[in-house]
Amino acid sequence: MTRHARTSELMWPRLFKRFEGTSRTLQGQLRDMLVHSVMEGFLSPGEALPSSRLLAEILGMSRATVTLALQALADKGLIVA
């Protein structure tokens, strides 16, 4: 695993913690976190996100929750699948 991948992997739980309670659902919190991550420069436009499986593992949530959050962002044109 590269240094960048490890740094990125460590970043997600800290970022997600900032968005706990911002939405009534985990999907909403994850969507808010991902949008904020781009807006604040934590992620560059066009930068690849971790896979849904890895993101679910890192954040301790189901892959279905992550997949639905990512799909909602893709439906709005905010990410490309």
Protein backbone atom coordinates (compact mmCIF):
# COMPACT_ATOMS: atom_id res chain seq x y z
CA MET A 1 0.00 0.00 0.00
CA THR A 2 1.39 3.41 -0.91
CA ARG A 3 1.88 6.23 1.57
CA HIS A 4 -0.90 8.23 -0.13
CA ALA A 5 -3.32 5.31 0.15
CA ARG A 6 -2.55 4.93 3.88
CA THR A 7 -2.98 8.66 4.48
CA SER A 8 -6.23 8.61 2.58
CA GLU A 9 -7.42 5.57 4.49
CA LEU A 10 -6.73 7.30 7.81
CA MET A 11 -8.45 10.49 6.68
CA TRP A 12 -11.92 9.01 6.17
CA PRO A 13 -12.84 8.11 9.78
CA ARG A 14 -11.72 11.56 11.01
CA LEU A 15 -13.71 13.33 8.32
CA PHE A 16 -16.78 11.18 8.88
CA LYS A 17 -16.71 11.89 12.62
CA ARG A 18 -17.15 15.60 11.80
CA PHE A 19 -20.43 14.80 10.04
CA GLU A 20 -22.00 12.49 12.61
CA GLY A 21 -25.48 13.79 13.35
CA THR A 22 -25.61 16.20 10.40
CA SER A 23 -28.24 14.05 8.73
CA ARG A 24 -30.83 11.61 10.00
CA THR A 25 -29.24 8.75 8.07
CA LEU A 26 -25.75 7.33 7.66
CA GLN A 27 -26.18 7.70 3.90
CA GLY A 28 -26.87 11.40 4.34
CA GLN A 29 -23.88 11.85 6.64
CA LEU A 30 -21.64 10.09 4.14
CA ARG A 31 -22.97 12.19 1.25
CA ASP A 32 -22.40 15.38 3.27
CA MET A 33 -18.86 14.29 4.12
CA LEU A 34 -17.94 13.49 0.52
CA VAL A 35 -19.31 16.77 -0.84
CA HIS A 36 -17.53 18.70 1.93
CA SER A 37 -14.29 16.82 1.20
CA VAL A 38 -14.23 18.15 -2.35
CA MET A 39 -15.43 21.64 -1.44
CA GLU A 40 -12.74 22.01 1.25
CA GLY A 41 -9.95 20.54 -0.89
CA PHE A 42 -9.46 17.27 0.98
CA LEU A 43 -10.20 15.60 -2.36
CA SER A 44 -9.27 17.04 -5.70
CA PRO A 45 -11.85 17.04 -8.46
CA GLY A 46 -11.27 13.86 -10.44
CA GLU A 47 -9.47 12.10 -7.59
CA ALA A 48 -10.54 8.48 -7.20
CA LEU A 49 -12.54 7.53 -4.13
CA PRO A 50 -11.86 4.28 -2.29
CA SER A 51 -13.98 1.35 -3.41
CA SER A 52 -17.35 0.98 -1.72
CA ARG A 53 -16.08 -2.16 0.01
CA LEU A 54 -12.98 -0.42 1.39
CA LEU A 55 -14.88 2.72 2.40
CA ALA A 56 -17.48 0.60 4.22
CA GLU A 57 -14.72 -1.28 6.03
CA ILE A 58 -12.87 1.90 7.00
CA LEU A 59 -16.02 3.62 8.29
CA GLY A 60 -17.54 0.53 9.90
CA MET A 61 -20.79 0.60 7.97
CA SER A 62 -22.48 -1.70 5.52
CA ARG A 63 -21.41 -1.71 1.92
CA ALA A 64 -25.05 -1.21 0.92
CA THR A 65 -25.14 2.09 2.84
CA VAL A 66 -21.97 3.28 1.13
CA THR A 67 -23.19 2.14 -2.29
CA LEU A 68 -26.50 3.98 -1.89
CA ALA A 69 -24.73 7.18 -0.79
CA LEU A 70 -22.33 7.00 -3.74
CA GLN A 71 -25.20 6.27 -6.14
CA ALA A 72 -27.13 9.30 -4.88
CA LEU A 73 -24.09 11.51 -5.56
CA ALA A 74 -23.64 9.94 -9.01
CA ASP A 75 -27.34 10.53 -9.79
CA LYS A 76 -26.81 14.23 -9.02
CA GLY A 77 -23.72 14.33 -11.22
CA LEU A 78 -21.41 15.05 -8.30
CA ILE A 79 -19.27 11.93 -8.81
CA VAL A 80 -18.64 9.66 -11.75
CA ALA A 81 -18.99 5.95 -11.22
